[in-house]
């Protein structure tokens, strides 16, 4: 399952799934994918992962252990629908202020609607912007989180450096992403499920299976756990480590700005 994976040297900026595209072309293609899936994004996450993504996200926020002091500021990148942001606010006892940043306006619209229904708008700010060029000053946040979004960023190295820039000294970086499963027999079943069933489910639920073919292929292109940890270190983070979930189907990487 690792044959297609990218190394720390890069390559994701021209990889749209297994297809190679021109430099600068990927972002528009990715934006189109998420415009098409925004309204069914959370439902499809449940169907694709059998609900496991909820446990992984809970684990992410538990490891972050948000401070319950007023003024604790978190930047949640590629967090349009609010899944991580809502959990952080709850875990902080309602004291955390979370900026939800996403490049895709359709995803942000879903997040705003959910926040309004949940009475959380007072804790949240929604910003449409690019992870590669964050519209914030240096040392602005106590934590930076990103869940299942960084593999869709064309220039991951630049996004990681931006994450380091906007964090305060002592700030925490956490990234939850699909990763490299290394379990005999289970990997074959996972491969079959991913490439044959997920696009079919996407077609039934959303009427369009193509975005899910891209999403599955993008998972296979993303660097494995060690290579991604190397990229995080190269961006200036210290004490970089990770935790595997479900045998490595997903991995949660952590780093600190010292």
C-alpha atoms as a PDB file:
ATOM      1  CA  UNK A   1       0.000   0.000   0.000  1.00  0.00           C
ATOM      2  CA  UNK A   2       3.018   2.324   0.218  1.00  0.00           C
ATOM      3  CA  UNK A   3       4.113   2.230  -3.432  1.00  0.00           C
ATOM      4  CA  UNK A   4       2.353   5.466  -4.391  1.00  0.00           C
ATOM      5  CA  UNK A   5       3.227   7.397  -1.227  1.00  0.00           C
ATOM      6  CA  UNK A   6       5.082  10.679  -1.327  1.00  0.00           C
ATOM      7  CA  UNK A   7       8.418  11.213   0.412  1.00  0.00           C
ATOM      8  CA  UNK A   8       9.467  14.266   2.457  1.00  0.00           C
ATOM      9  CA  UNK A   9      11.028  15.629  -0.745  1.00  0.00           C
ATOM     10  CA  UNK A  10       7.541  16.574  -1.932  1.00  0.00           C
ATOM     11  CA  UNK A  11       5.396  15.780  -4.944  1.00  0.00           C
ATOM     12  CA  UNK A  12       1.885  16.294  -3.559  1.00  0.00           C
ATOM     13  CA  UNK A  13       1.647  19.723  -5.200  1.00  0.00           C
ATOM     14  CA  UNK A  14       1.196  18.122  -8.634  1.00  0.00           C
ATOM     15  CA  UNK A  15      -0.675  14.982  -7.534  1.00  0.00           C
ATOM     16  CA  UNK A  16      -4.448  15.027  -7.901  1.00  0.00           C
ATOM     17  CA  UNK A  17      -4.989  11.519  -6.623  1.00  0.00           C
ATOM     18  CA  UNK A  18      -2.971   9.245  -8.903  1.00  0.00           C
ATOM     19  CA  UNK A  19      -3.151  11.768 -11.720  1.00  0.00           C
ATOM     20  CA  UNK A  20      -0.332  14.243 -12.282  1.00  0.00           C
ATOM     21  CA  UNK A  21      -1.462  17.815 -12.923  1.00  0.00           C
ATOM     22  CA  UNK A  22       0.282  21.070 -13.700  1.00  0.00           C
ATOM     23  CA  UNK A  23       1.718  23.171 -10.897  1.00  0.00           C
ATOM     24  CA  UNK A  24      -1.009  25.546  -9.730  1.00  0.00           C
ATOM     25  CA  UNK A  25      -3.838  23.376 -11.091  1.00  0.00           C
ATOM     26  CA  UNK A  26      -4.452  21.166  -8.062  1.00  0.00           C
ATOM     27  CA  UNK A  27      -6.068  23.737  -5.765  1.00  0.00           C
ATOM     28  CA  UNK A  28      -8.912  24.453  -8.178  1.00  0.00           C
ATOM     29  CA  UNK A  29      -9.565  20.768  -8.695  1.00  0.00           C
ATOM     30  CA  UNK A  30      -9.629  20.120  -4.939  1.00  0.00           C
ATOM     31  CA  UNK A  31     -11.960  23.084  -4.397  1.00  0.00           C
ATOM     32  CA  UNK A  32     -14.392  21.613  -6.914  1.00  0.00           C
ATOM     33  CA  UNK A  33     -14.359  18.267  -5.093  1.00  0.00           C
ATOM     34  CA  UNK A  34     -15.364  19.844  -1.786  1.00  0.00           C
ATOM     35  CA  UNK A  35     -17.987  22.122  -3.311  1.00  0.00           C
ATOM     36  CA  UNK A  36     -19.594  18.948  -4.635  1.00  0.00           C
ATOM     37  CA  UNK A  37     -19.476  16.963  -1.391  1.00  0.00           C
ATOM     38  CA  UNK A  38     -19.991  19.660   1.283  1.00  0.00           C
ATOM     39  CA  UNK A  39     -23.647  18.920   2.096  1.00  0.00           C
ATOM     40  CA  UNK A  40     -23.022  15.208   2.516  1.00  0.00           C
ATOM     41  CA  UNK A  41     -19.466  15.413   3.868  1.00  0.00           C
ATOM     42  CA  UNK A  42     -20.202  14.404   7.464  1.00  0.00           C
ATOM     43  CA  UNK A  43     -22.632  11.654   6.467  1.00  0.00           C
ATOM     44  CA  UNK A  44     -20.085  10.219   4.055  1.00  0.00           C
ATOM     45  CA  UNK A  45     -17.404  10.274   6.760  1.00  0.00           C
ATOM     46  CA  UNK A  46     -19.660   8.060   8.873  1.00  0.00           C
ATOM     47  CA  UNK A  47     -20.334   5.679   6.006  1.00  0.00           C
ATOM     48  CA  UNK A  48     -16.724   5.521   4.775  1.00  0.00           C
ATOM     49  CA  UNK A  49     -15.210   4.895   8.203  1.00  0.00           C
ATOM     50  CA  UNK A  50     -18.032   2.997   9.867  1.00  0.00           C
ATOM     51  CA  UNK A  51     -18.221   5.846  12.364  1.00  0.00           C
ATOM     52  CA  UNK A  52     -14.584   5.431  13.418  1.00  0.00           C
ATOM     53  CA  UNK A  53     -13.724   8.998  12.415  1.00  0.00           C
ATOM     54  CA  UNK A  54     -15.732  10.165  15.431  1.00  0.00           C
ATOM     55  CA  UNK A  55     -13.521   8.155  17.783  1.00  0.00           C
ATOM     56  CA  UNK A  56     -10.353   9.373  16.057  1.00  0.00           C
ATOM     57  CA  UNK A  57     -11.479  13.001  16.352  1.00  0.00           C
ATOM     58  CA  UNK A  58     -12.383  12.510  20.003  1.00  0.00           C
ATOM     59  CA  UNK A  59      -8.889  11.098  20.523  1.00  0.00           C
ATOM     60  CA  UNK A  60      -7.368  14.123  18.804  1.00  0.00           C
ATOM     61  CA  UNK A  61      -9.140  16.599  21.070  1.00  0.00           C
ATOM     62  CA  UNK A  62      -8.379  14.505  24.152  1.00  0.00           C
ATOM     63  CA  UNK A  63      -4.649  14.573  23.288  1.00  0.00           C
ATOM     64  CA  UNK A  64      -4.844  18.325  22.710  1.00  0.00           C
ATOM     65  CA  UNK A  65      -6.473  18.676  26.155  1.00  0.00           C
ATOM     66  CA  UNK A  66      -7.715  22.230  25.526  1.00  0.00           C
ATOM     67  CA  UNK A  67      -7.113  24.706  28.324  1.00  0.00           C
ATOM     68  CA  UNK A  68     -10.186  25.825  30.253  1.00  0.00           C
ATOM     69  CA  UNK A  69      -8.743  29.279  30.827  1.00  0.00           C
ATOM     70  CA  UNK A  70     -10.445  32.157  28.992  1.00  0.00           C
ATOM     71  CA  UNK A  71      -8.470  33.414  26.016  1.00  0.00           C
ATOM     72  CA  UNK A  72      -7.221  30.028  24.825  1.00  0.00           C
ATOM     73  CA  UNK A  73      -7.071  30.448  21.054  1.00  0.00           C
ATOM     74  CA  UNK A  74      -7.094  27.608  18.544  1.00  0.00           C
ATOM     75  CA  UNK A  75      -6.812  27.701  14.772  1.00  0.00           C
ATOM     76  CA  UNK A  76      -8.612  24.774  13.147  1.00  0.00           C
ATOM     77  CA  UNK A  77      -7.529  24.563   9.518  1.00  0.00           C
ATOM     78  CA  UNK A  78      -9.549  22.791   6.801  1.00  0.00           C
ATOM     79  CA  UNK A  79     -12.213  22.526   9.485  1.00  0.00           C
ATOM     80  CA  UNK A  80     -15.131  23.891   7.475  1.00  0.00           C
ATOM     81  CA  UNK A  81     -17.966  21.782   8.850  1.00  0.00           C
ATOM     82  CA  UNK A  82     -16.880  22.375  12.446  1.00  0.00           C
ATOM     83  CA  UNK A  83     -16.354  18.808  13.650  1.00  0.00           C
ATOM     84  CA  UNK A  84     -13.086  19.521  15.485  1.00  0.00           C
ATOM     85  CA  UNK A  85     -13.940  23.067  16.527  1.00  0.00           C
ATOM     86  CA  UNK A  86     -17.167  22.019  18.263  1.00  0.00           C
ATOM     87  CA  UNK A  87     -15.325  19.301  20.186  1.00  0.00           C
ATOM     88  CA  UNK A  88     -12.615  21.755  21.292  1.00  0.00           C
ATOM     89  CA  UNK A  89     -15.151  24.263  22.593  1.00  0.00           C
ATOM     90  CA  UNK A  90     -16.945  21.520  24.510  1.00  0.00           C
ATOM     91  CA  UNK A  91     -13.715  20.084  25.960  1.00  0.00           C
ATOM     92  CA  UNK A  92     -12.630  23.566  27.106  1.00  0.00           C
ATOM     93  CA  UNK A  93     -15.831  24.064  29.071  1.00  0.00           C
ATOM     94  CA  UNK A  94     -16.911  26.730  26.604  1.00  0.00           C
ATOM     95  CA  UNK A  95     -13.805  28.861  27.167  1.00  0.00           C
ATOM     96  CA  UNK A  96     -11.821  28.216  23.975  1.00  0.00           C
ATOM     97  CA  UNK A  97     -12.058  30.599  21.044  1.00  0.00           C
ATOM     98  CA  UNK A  98     -11.651  28.687  17.781  1.00  0.00           C
ATOM     99  CA  UNK A  99     -11.001  30.177  14.370  1.00  0.00           C
ATOM    100  CA  UNK A 100     -12.287  27.772  11.737  1.00  0.00           C
ATOM    101  CA  UNK A 101     -10.361  28.301   8.517  1.00  0.00           C
ATOM    102  CA  UNK A 102     -11.164  26.664   5.211  1.00  0.00           C
ATOM    103  CA  UNK A 103     -10.425  27.533   1.603  1.00  0.00           C
ATOM    104  CA  UNK A 104     -13.845  26.229   0.582  1.00  0.00           C
ATOM    105  CA  UNK A 105     -16.843  28.481   1.150  1.00  0.00           C
ATOM    106  CA  UNK A 106     -19.341  25.637   0.775  1.00  0.00           C
ATOM    107  CA  UNK A 107     -17.773  23.737   3.667  1.00  0.00           C
ATOM    108  CA  UNK A 108     -17.726  26.875   5.821  1.00  0.00           C
ATOM    109  CA  UNK A 109     -21.419  27.471   5.120  1.00  0.00           C
ATOM    110  CA  UNK A 110     -22.218  24.033   6.517  1.00  0.00           C
ATOM    111  CA  UNK A 111     -20.096  24.762   9.590  1.00  0.00           C
ATOM    112  CA  UNK A 112     -21.783  28.113  10.251  1.00  0.00           C
ATOM    113  CA  UNK A 113     -25.227  26.548  10.006  1.00  0.00           C
ATOM    114  CA  UNK A 114     -24.252  23.788  12.422  1.00  0.00           C
ATOM    115  CA  UNK A 115     -22.682  26.278  14.852  1.00  0.00           C
ATOM    116  CA  UNK A 116     -25.779  28.453  14.824  1.00  0.00           C
ATOM    117  CA  UNK A 117     -28.030  25.475  15.554  1.00  0.00           C
ATOM    118  CA  UNK A 118     -25.713  24.385  18.369  1.00  0.00           C
ATOM    119  CA  UNK A 119     -25.456  27.844  19.931  1.00  0.00           C
ATOM    120  CA  UNK A 120     -21.690  27.980  19.432  1.00  0.00           C
ATOM    121  CA  UNK A 121     -21.289  31.061  17.261  1.00  0.00           C
ATOM    122  CA  UNK A 122     -19.980  33.062  20.226  1.00  0.00           C
ATOM    123  CA  UNK A 123     -16.901  30.828  20.429  1.00  0.00           C
ATOM    124  CA  UNK A 124     -16.226  30.485  16.720  1.00  0.00           C
ATOM    125  CA  UNK A 125     -14.927  32.660  13.912  1.00  0.00           C
ATOM    126  CA  UNK A 126     -15.167  31.388  10.330  1.00  0.00           C
ATOM    127  CA  UNK A 127     -12.490  32.489   7.878  1.00  0.00           C
ATOM    128  CA  UNK A 128     -12.209  31.613   4.190  1.00  0.00           C
ATOM    129  CA  UNK A 129      -8.488  31.490   3.416  1.00  0.00           C
ATOM    130  CA  UNK A 130      -5.618  29.339   2.173  1.00  0.00           C
ATOM    131  CA  UNK A 131      -3.590  27.192   4.599  1.00  0.00           C
ATOM    132  CA  UNK A 132      -0.480  28.121   2.620  1.00  0.00           C
ATOM    133  CA  UNK A 133      -0.956  31.855   3.286  1.00  0.00           C
ATOM    134  CA  UNK A 134      -2.639  32.320   6.663  1.00  0.00           C
ATOM    135  CA  UNK A 135      -4.088  35.823   7.197  1.00  0.00           C
ATOM    136  CA  UNK A 136      -2.834  36.078  10.787  1.00  0.00           C
ATOM    137  CA  UNK A 137       0.168  37.584  12.488  1.00  0.00           C
ATOM    138  CA  UNK A 138       3.002  35.563  13.977  1.00  0.00           C
ATOM    139  CA  UNK A 139       2.461  34.009  17.395  1.00  0.00           C
ATOM    140  CA  UNK A 140      -1.339  34.394  17.287  1.00  0.00           C
ATOM    141  CA  UNK A 141      -2.566  30.984  18.497  1.00  0.00           C
ATOM    142  CA  UNK A 142      -2.040  28.513  21.321  1.00  0.00           C
ATOM    143  CA  UNK A 143      -2.838  25.487  19.134  1.00  0.00           C
ATOM    144  CA  UNK A 144      -3.222  24.579  15.472  1.00  0.00           C
ATOM    145  CA  UNK A 145      -5.364  21.602  14.491  1.00  0.00           C
ATOM    146  CA  UNK A 146      -6.098  20.072  11.114  1.00  0.00           C
ATOM    147  CA  UNK A 147      -8.081  16.878  10.533  1.00  0.00           C
ATOM    148  CA  UNK A 148      -8.224  15.060   7.198  1.00  0.00           C
ATOM    149  CA  UNK A 149      -7.309  18.210   5.330  1.00  0.00           C
ATOM    150  CA  UNK A 150      -3.574  18.557   4.915  1.00  0.00           C
ATOM    151  CA  UNK A 151      -3.300  15.944   2.172  1.00  0.00           C
ATOM    152  CA  UNK A 152      -5.498  18.228   0.033  1.00  0.00           C
ATOM    153  CA  UNK A 153      -3.078  21.163   0.401  1.00  0.00           C
ATOM    154  CA  UNK A 154      -0.875  21.388  -2.714  1.00  0.00           C
ATOM    155  CA  UNK A 155       2.248  22.722  -0.937  1.00  0.00           C
ATOM    156  CA  UNK A 156       2.204  20.876   2.367  1.00  0.00           C
ATOM    157  CA  UNK A 157       5.667  22.106   3.319  1.00  0.00           C
ATOM    158  CA  UNK A 158       4.492  25.723   3.081  1.00  0.00           C
ATOM    159  CA  UNK A 159       1.347  25.004   5.125  1.00  0.00           C
ATOM    160  CA  UNK A 160       3.438  23.420   7.883  1.00  0.00           C
ATOM    161  CA  UNK A 161       5.758  26.433   8.019  1.00  0.00           C
ATOM    162  CA  UNK A 162       2.721  28.697   8.232  1.00  0.00           C
ATOM    163  CA  UNK A 163       1.411  26.585  11.110  1.00  0.00           C
ATOM    164  CA  UNK A 164       4.695  27.110  12.935  1.00  0.00           C
ATOM    165  CA  UNK A 165       4.670  30.853  12.218  1.00  0.00           C
ATOM    166  CA  UNK A 166       1.215  31.559  13.674  1.00  0.00           C
ATOM    167  CA  UNK A 167       1.748  29.493  16.831  1.00  0.00           C
ATOM    168  CA  UNK A 168       3.001  31.091  20.020  1.00  0.00           C
ATOM    169  CA  UNK A 169       6.134  29.637  21.669  1.00  0.00           C
ATOM    170  CA  UNK A 170       4.932  26.558  23.517  1.00  0.00           C
ATOM    171  CA  UNK A 171       2.094  26.155  21.004  1.00  0.00           C
ATOM    172  CA  UNK A 172       0.860  22.741  19.879  1.00  0.00           C
ATOM    173  CA  UNK A 173       0.418  21.383  16.346  1.00  0.00           C
ATOM    174  CA  UNK A 174      -1.897  18.408  15.854  1.00  0.00           C
ATOM    175  CA  UNK A 175      -2.688  16.769  12.528  1.00  0.00           C
ATOM    176  CA  UNK A 176      -5.088  13.860  12.086  1.00  0.00           C
ATOM    177  CA  UNK A 177      -4.826  12.244   8.670  1.00  0.00           C
ATOM    178  CA  UNK A 178      -5.340   8.962   6.901  1.00  0.00           C
ATOM    179  CA  UNK A 179      -2.038   7.125   6.849  1.00  0.00           C
ATOM    180  CA  UNK A 180      -0.264   3.868   6.075  1.00  0.00           C
ATOM    181  CA  UNK A 181      -1.984   0.699   7.296  1.00  0.00           C
ATOM    182  CA  UNK A 182       0.487  -2.060   8.076  1.00  0.00           C
ATOM    183  CA  UNK A 183      -1.527  -5.108   9.083  1.00  0.00           C
ATOM    184  CA  UNK A 184      -1.420  -8.286   6.958  1.00  0.00           C
ATOM    185  CA  UNK A 185      -4.803  -9.388   5.592  1.00  0.00           C
ATOM    186  CA  UNK A 186      -6.568  -6.282   6.923  1.00  0.00           C
ATOM    187  CA  UNK A 187      -4.739  -4.155   4.378  1.00  0.00           C
ATOM    188  CA  UNK A 188      -6.235  -6.173   1.505  1.00  0.00           C
ATOM    189  CA  UNK A 189      -9.755  -5.780   2.847  1.00  0.00           C
ATOM    190  CA  UNK A 190      -9.175  -2.069   3.386  1.00  0.00           C
ATOM    191  CA  UNK A 191      -7.870  -1.689  -0.164  1.00  0.00           C
ATOM    192  CA  UNK A 192     -10.926  -3.416  -1.623  1.00  0.00           C
ATOM    193  CA  UNK A 193     -13.289  -1.347   0.518  1.00  0.00           C
ATOM    194  CA  UNK A 194     -11.571   1.910  -0.396  1.00  0.00           C
ATOM    195  CA  UNK A 195     -11.317   1.533  -4.151  1.00  0.00           C
ATOM    196  CA  UNK A 196     -14.469  -0.460  -4.894  1.00  0.00           C
ATOM    197  CA  UNK A 197     -17.044   0.390  -2.261  1.00  0.00           C
ATOM    198  CA  UNK A 198     -16.428   3.996  -1.214  1.00  0.00           C
ATOM    199  CA  UNK A 199     -16.941   5.498  -4.726  1.00  0.00           C
ATOM    200  CA  UNK A 200     -20.107   3.401  -5.091  1.00  0.00           C
ATOM    201  CA  UNK A 201     -21.436   4.608  -1.736  1.00  0.00           C
ATOM    202  CA  UNK A 202     -20.602   8.165  -2.740  1.00  0.00           C
ATOM    203  CA  UNK A 203     -22.548   7.772  -5.963  1.00  0.00           C
ATOM    204  CA  UNK A 204     -25.599   6.412  -4.127  1.00  0.00           C
ATOM    205  CA  UNK A 205     -25.569   9.037  -1.360  1.00  0.00           C
ATOM    206  CA  UNK A 206     -24.483  12.118  -3.299  1.00  0.00           C
ATOM    207  CA  UNK A 207     -25.162  11.105  -6.899  1.00  0.00           C
ATOM    208  CA  UNK A 208     -21.479  11.488  -7.735  1.00  0.00           C
ATOM    209  CA  UNK A 209     -18.747   8.920  -7.116  1.00  0.00           C
ATOM    210  CA  UNK A 210     -15.856  10.800  -8.740  1.00  0.00           C
ATOM    211  CA  UNK A 211     -14.938  13.020  -5.751  1.00  0.00           C
ATOM    212  CA  UNK A 212     -14.552   9.900  -3.634  1.00  0.00           C
ATOM    213  CA  UNK A 213     -12.210   8.277  -6.127  1.00  0.00           C
ATOM    214  CA  UNK A 214      -9.974  11.322  -5.727  1.00  0.00           C
ATOM    215  CA  UNK A 215     -10.225  11.206  -1.923  1.00  0.00           C
ATOM    216  CA  UNK A 216      -9.265   7.521  -1.816  1.00  0.00           C
ATOM    217  CA  UNK A 217      -6.354   8.031  -4.203  1.00  0.00           C
ATOM    218  CA  UNK A 218      -5.133  11.075  -2.267  1.00  0.00           C
ATOM    219  CA  UNK A 219      -4.895   8.925   0.863  1.00  0.00           C
ATOM    220  CA  UNK A 220      -2.546   6.546  -0.952  1.00  0.00           C
ATOM    221  CA  UNK A 221      -0.344   9.409  -2.127  1.00  0.00           C
ATOM    222  CA  UNK A 222       0.054  10.996   1.303  1.00  0.00           C
ATOM    223  CA  UNK A 223       3.403  10.398   3.074  1.00  0.00           C
ATOM    224  CA  UNK A 224       3.544   7.566   5.590  1.00  0.00           C
ATOM    225  CA  UNK A 225       3.851   8.246   9.308  1.00  0.00           C
ATOM    226  CA  UNK A 226       7.636   8.591   9.485  1.00  0.00           C
ATOM    227  CA  UNK A 227       7.941  10.672   6.325  1.00  0.00           C
ATOM    228  CA  UNK A 228       5.227  13.056   7.472  1.00  0.00           C
ATOM    229  CA  UNK A 229       6.905  13.355  10.883  1.00  0.00           C
ATOM    230  CA  UNK A 230      10.089  14.342   9.050  1.00  0.00           C
ATOM    231  CA  UNK A 231       8.206  17.063   7.176  1.00  0.00           C
ATOM    232  CA  UNK A 232       6.829  18.434  10.465  1.00  0.00           C
ATOM    233  CA  UNK A 233      10.344  18.557  11.938  1.00  0.00           C
ATOM    234  CA  UNK A 234      11.639  20.296   8.810  1.00  0.00           C
ATOM    235  CA  UNK A 235       8.986  22.987   9.339  1.00  0.00           C
ATOM    236  CA  UNK A 236      10.570  23.816  12.701  1.00  0.00           C
ATOM    237  CA  UNK A 237       8.573  21.749  15.182  1.00  0.00           C
ATOM    238  CA  UNK A 238      10.096  19.852  18.102  1.00  0.00           C
ATOM    239  CA  UNK A 239       9.131  16.726  20.059  1.00  0.00           C
ATOM    240  CA  UNK A 240       7.343  15.338  17.002  1.00  0.00           C
ATOM    241  CA  UNK A 241       5.542  12.056  17.525  1.00  0.00           C
ATOM    242  CA  UNK A 242       2.408  10.265  16.388  1.00  0.00           C
ATOM    243  CA  UNK A 243      -0.250   7.779  17.398  1.00  0.00           C
ATOM    244  CA  UNK A 244      -1.732   5.221  15.019  1.00  0.00           C
ATOM    245  CA  UNK A 245      -5.459   4.587  15.006  1.00  0.00           C
ATOM    246  CA  UNK A 246      -7.053   1.377  13.734  1.00  0.00           C
ATOM    247  CA  UNK A 247      -3.744  -0.168  12.724  1.00  0.00           C
ATOM    248  CA  UNK A 248      -2.560   2.928  10.892  1.00  0.00           C
ATOM    249  CA  UNK A 249      -5.664   3.667   8.813  1.00  0.00           C
ATOM    250  CA  UNK A 250      -5.349   7.056  10.471  1.00  0.00           C
ATOM    251  CA  UNK A 251      -2.476   8.668  12.370  1.00  0.00           C
ATOM    252  CA  UNK A 252      -2.406  11.636  14.710  1.00  0.00           C
ATOM    253  CA  UNK A 253       0.828  13.633  14.562  1.00  0.00           C
ATOM    254  CA  UNK A 254       1.876  16.058  17.288  1.00  0.00           C
ATOM    255  CA  UNK A 255       4.575  18.727  17.381  1.00  0.00           C
ATOM    256  CA  UNK A 256       5.506  21.682  19.566  1.00  0.00           C
ATOM    257  CA  UNK A 257       6.826  25.140  18.790  1.00  0.00           C
ATOM    258  CA  UNK A 258       9.629  25.557  21.277  1.00  0.00           C
END
